[in-house]
Amino acid sequence: MLITPQAQNKLRSLLPQPDRAYRIRAISGGCKGYAYDLKIIQNTTPDDVLQSFPDLPVYIEQSSLSYLNDVVMDYVEGFTNSGFTFHHPDRCSCGKSFSPEACSSQSSR
C-alpha cells in the first residue's frame, strides 16, 4: 500500500494523540462488495502489521494485506467534496469500495 504525501500530511494532522495510530482494513460492504475502513486506534492486535511511513503509525490488518496490495491512498480537496480516496490501478473501484473478485484474480499473477 502506498499513501501519498498529501494523505500522510492529513493523517498526521488528524491524529489526536501521540499514542494513537491508524488501522486500515478491507471490510464487507460498499457498492462493489468490499469497502476500505480507516480507524484511529489506541491498541493494536496481533493481526495488525505495521507499515513504514515517517512519523505516521499505520497498521494494516493481516487479513486485508492481499486486498490492499497496490492500493494508493490519497487525500483530495475539492470545491464540493474533500476526503481520503483509495485507488487500485487494476481494480474496479469507486474510491470507497471495490470488487473482491478483482483482488482474487490479481493474486494469481
C-alpha atoms as a PDB file:
ATOM      1  CA  MET A   1       0.000   0.000   0.000  1.00  0.00           C
ATOM      2  CA  LEU A   2       1.149   3.494  -0.826  1.00  0.00           C
ATOM      3  CA  ILE A   3      -0.047   6.607   0.985  1.00  0.00           C
ATOM      4  CA  THR A   4       0.593   9.820  -0.918  1.00  0.00           C
ATOM      5  CA  PRO A   5       2.395  12.706   0.813  1.00  0.00           C
ATOM      6  CA  GLN A   6      -0.885  14.688   0.832  1.00  0.00           C
ATOM      7  CA  ALA A   7      -2.689  11.840   2.609  1.00  0.00           C
ATOM      8  CA  GLN A   8       0.206  11.332   5.040  1.00  0.00           C
ATOM      9  CA  ASN A   9       0.154  15.008   5.986  1.00  0.00           C
ATOM     10  CA  LYS A  10      -3.617  14.968   6.509  1.00  0.00           C
ATOM     11  CA  LEU A  11      -3.431  11.768   8.586  1.00  0.00           C
ATOM     12  CA  ARG A  12      -0.725  13.310  10.788  1.00  0.00           C
ATOM     13  CA  SER A  13      -2.817  16.434  11.322  1.00  0.00           C
ATOM     14  CA  LEU A  14      -5.870  14.392  12.368  1.00  0.00           C
ATOM     15  CA  LEU A  15      -4.119  12.074  14.829  1.00  0.00           C
ATOM     16  CA  PRO A  16      -5.367  13.326  18.230  1.00  0.00           C
ATOM     17  CA  GLN A  17      -2.591  11.992  20.485  1.00  0.00           C
ATOM     18  CA  PRO A  18       0.890  10.549  20.008  1.00  0.00           C
ATOM     19  CA  ASP A  19      -0.151   7.179  21.494  1.00  0.00           C
ATOM     20  CA  ARG A  20      -2.759   6.678  18.751  1.00  0.00           C
ATOM     21  CA  ALA A  21      -2.359   5.028  15.353  1.00  0.00           C
ATOM     22  CA  TYR A  22      -4.379   4.218  12.247  1.00  0.00           C
ATOM     23  CA  ARG A  23      -5.727   0.845  11.186  1.00  0.00           C
ATOM     24  CA  ILE A  24      -6.688   0.297   7.553  1.00  0.00           C
ATOM     25  CA  ARG A  25      -8.594  -2.784   6.503  1.00  0.00           C
ATOM     26  CA  ALA A  26     -10.961  -4.173   3.912  1.00  0.00           C
ATOM     27  CA  ILE A  27     -14.446  -4.922   5.236  1.00  0.00           C
ATOM     28  CA  SER A  28     -17.551  -6.418   3.696  1.00  0.00           C
ATOM     29  CA  GLY A  29     -19.816  -3.692   2.297  1.00  0.00           C
ATOM     30  CA  GLY A  30     -19.962  -0.897  -0.208  1.00  0.00           C
ATOM     31  CA  CYS A  31     -21.421  -0.923  -3.705  1.00  0.00           C
ATOM     32  CA  LYS A  32     -18.767  -3.359  -5.014  1.00  0.00           C
ATOM     33  CA  GLY A  33     -18.767  -5.896  -2.160  1.00  0.00           C
ATOM     34  CA  TYR A  34     -15.841  -4.654  -0.047  1.00  0.00           C
ATOM     35  CA  ALA A  35     -15.121  -1.241   1.440  1.00  0.00           C
ATOM     36  CA  TYR A  36     -11.992   0.425   2.773  1.00  0.00           C
ATOM     37  CA  ASP A  37     -12.080   1.064   6.522  1.00  0.00           C
ATOM     38  CA  LEU A  38      -9.861   3.648   8.229  1.00  0.00           C
ATOM     39  CA  LYS A  39      -9.932   3.989  12.019  1.00  0.00           C
ATOM     40  CA  ILE A  40      -7.926   5.702  14.728  1.00  0.00           C
ATOM     41  CA  ILE A  41      -6.868   3.116  17.303  1.00  0.00           C
ATOM     42  CA  GLN A  42      -5.150   3.121  20.668  1.00  0.00           C
ATOM     43  CA  ASN A  43      -4.293  -0.565  20.881  1.00  0.00           C
ATOM     44  CA  THR A  44      -3.041  -2.916  18.203  1.00  0.00           C
ATOM     45  CA  THR A  45      -3.825  -6.606  17.857  1.00  0.00           C
ATOM     46  CA  PRO A  46      -1.511  -9.494  16.917  1.00  0.00           C
ATOM     47  CA  ASP A  47      -3.129  -9.381  13.444  1.00  0.00           C
ATOM     48  CA  ASP A  48      -2.008  -5.790  12.807  1.00  0.00           C
ATOM     49  CA  VAL A  49       1.007  -5.319  10.518  1.00  0.00           C
ATOM     50  CA  LEU A  50       2.923  -2.045  10.878  1.00  0.00           C
ATOM     51  CA  GLN A  51       3.543  -0.156   7.634  1.00  0.00           C
ATOM     52  CA  SER A  52       6.573   2.107   7.214  1.00  0.00           C
ATOM     53  CA  PHE A  53       5.689   5.770   6.868  1.00  0.00           C
ATOM     54  CA  PRO A  54       7.779   8.543   8.500  1.00  0.00           C
ATOM     55  CA  ASP A  55       6.266   9.616  11.836  1.00  0.00           C
ATOM     56  CA  LEU A  56       2.951   8.022  10.928  1.00  0.00           C
ATOM     57  CA  PRO A  57       1.857   4.818  12.665  1.00  0.00           C
ATOM     58  CA  VAL A  58      -0.307   2.892  10.176  1.00  0.00           C
ATOM     59  CA  TYR A  59      -1.315  -0.724  10.673  1.00  0.00           C
ATOM     60  CA  ILE A  60      -2.982  -2.990   8.154  1.00  0.00           C
ATOM     61  CA  GLU A  61      -4.998  -5.926   9.386  1.00  0.00           C
ATOM     62  CA  GLN A  62      -3.274  -9.175   8.314  1.00  0.00           C
ATOM     63  CA  SER A  63      -6.382 -10.489   6.550  1.00  0.00           C
ATOM     64  CA  SER A  64      -6.567  -7.292   4.471  1.00  0.00           C
ATOM     65  CA  LEU A  65      -2.992  -7.260   3.181  1.00  0.00           C
ATOM     66  CA  SER A  66      -3.792  -9.015  -0.115  1.00  0.00           C
ATOM     67  CA  TYR A  67      -6.755  -6.708  -0.762  1.00  0.00           C
ATOM     68  CA  LEU A  68      -4.706  -3.569  -0.093  1.00  0.00           C
ATOM     69  CA  ASN A  69      -1.654  -4.582  -2.114  1.00  0.00           C
ATOM     70  CA  ASP A  70      -1.015  -1.942  -4.825  1.00  0.00           C
ATOM     71  CA  VAL A  71      -3.673   0.395  -3.397  1.00  0.00           C
ATOM     72  CA  VAL A  72      -2.852   4.111  -3.371  1.00  0.00           C
ATOM     73  CA  MET A  73      -4.479   6.156  -0.634  1.00  0.00           C
ATOM     74  CA  ASP A  74      -4.730   9.875  -1.348  1.00  0.00           C
ATOM     75  CA  TYR A  75      -6.331  12.937   0.189  1.00  0.00           C
ATOM     76  CA  VAL A  76      -8.099  15.259  -2.227  1.00  0.00           C
ATOM     77  CA  GLU A  77      -9.717  18.616  -1.631  1.00  0.00           C
ATOM     78  CA  GLY A  78     -12.385  19.902  -3.929  1.00  0.00           C
ATOM     79  CA  PHE A  79     -14.997  22.615  -4.078  1.00  0.00           C
ATOM     80  CA  THR A  80     -17.851  20.320  -3.029  1.00  0.00           C
ATOM     81  CA  ASN A  81     -16.047  17.258  -1.704  1.00  0.00           C
ATOM     82  CA  SER A  82     -12.868  16.525   0.260  1.00  0.00           C
ATOM     83  CA  GLY A  83     -11.564  13.324   1.763  1.00  0.00           C
ATOM     84  CA  PHE A  84      -9.476  10.219   1.521  1.00  0.00           C
ATOM     85  CA  THR A  85      -9.674   8.126  -1.634  1.00  0.00           C
ATOM     86  CA  PHE A  86      -8.361   4.660  -2.410  1.00  0.00           C
ATOM     87  CA  HIS A  87      -7.281   3.676  -5.897  1.00  0.00           C
ATOM     88  CA  HIS A  88      -6.090   0.384  -7.314  1.00  0.00           C
ATOM     89  CA  PRO A  89      -4.810   0.501 -10.917  1.00  0.00           C
ATOM     90  CA  ASP A  90      -6.263  -2.919 -11.873  1.00  0.00           C
ATOM     91  CA  ARG A  91      -9.469  -2.997  -9.872  1.00  0.00           C
ATOM     92  CA  CYS A  92     -12.994  -1.755 -10.462  1.00  0.00           C
ATOM     93  CA  SER A  93     -13.376   0.763  -7.688  1.00  0.00           C
ATOM     94  CA  CYS A  94     -15.241   3.952  -6.909  1.00  0.00           C
ATOM     95  CA  GLY A  95     -12.549   5.108  -4.458  1.00  0.00           C
ATOM     96  CA  LYS A  96     -14.532   3.944  -1.432  1.00  0.00           C
ATOM     97  CA  SER A  97     -15.318   0.310  -2.281  1.00  0.00           C
ATOM     98  CA  PHE A  98     -14.000  -2.412  -4.571  1.00  0.00           C
ATOM     99  CA  SER A  99     -14.800  -5.811  -6.022  1.00  0.00           C
ATOM    100  CA  PRO A 100     -13.252  -8.784  -4.205  1.00  0.00           C
ATOM    101  CA  GLU A 101     -13.250 -10.815  -7.437  1.00  0.00           C
ATOM    102  CA  ALA A 102     -10.749  -8.369  -8.915  1.00  0.00           C
ATOM    103  CA  CYS A 103      -8.495  -8.962  -5.904  1.00  0.00           C
ATOM    104  CA  SER A 104      -8.640 -12.734  -6.376  1.00  0.00           C
ATOM    105  CA  SER A 105      -7.564 -12.505  -9.990  1.00  0.00           C
ATOM    106  CA  GLN A 106      -4.662 -10.224  -9.041  1.00  0.00           C
ATOM    107  CA  SER A 107      -3.259 -12.721  -6.553  1.00  0.00           C
ATOM    108  CA  SER A 108      -2.752 -15.312  -9.291  1.00  0.00           C
ATOM    109  CA  ARG A 109      -0.148 -13.199 -11.105  1.00  0.00           C
END
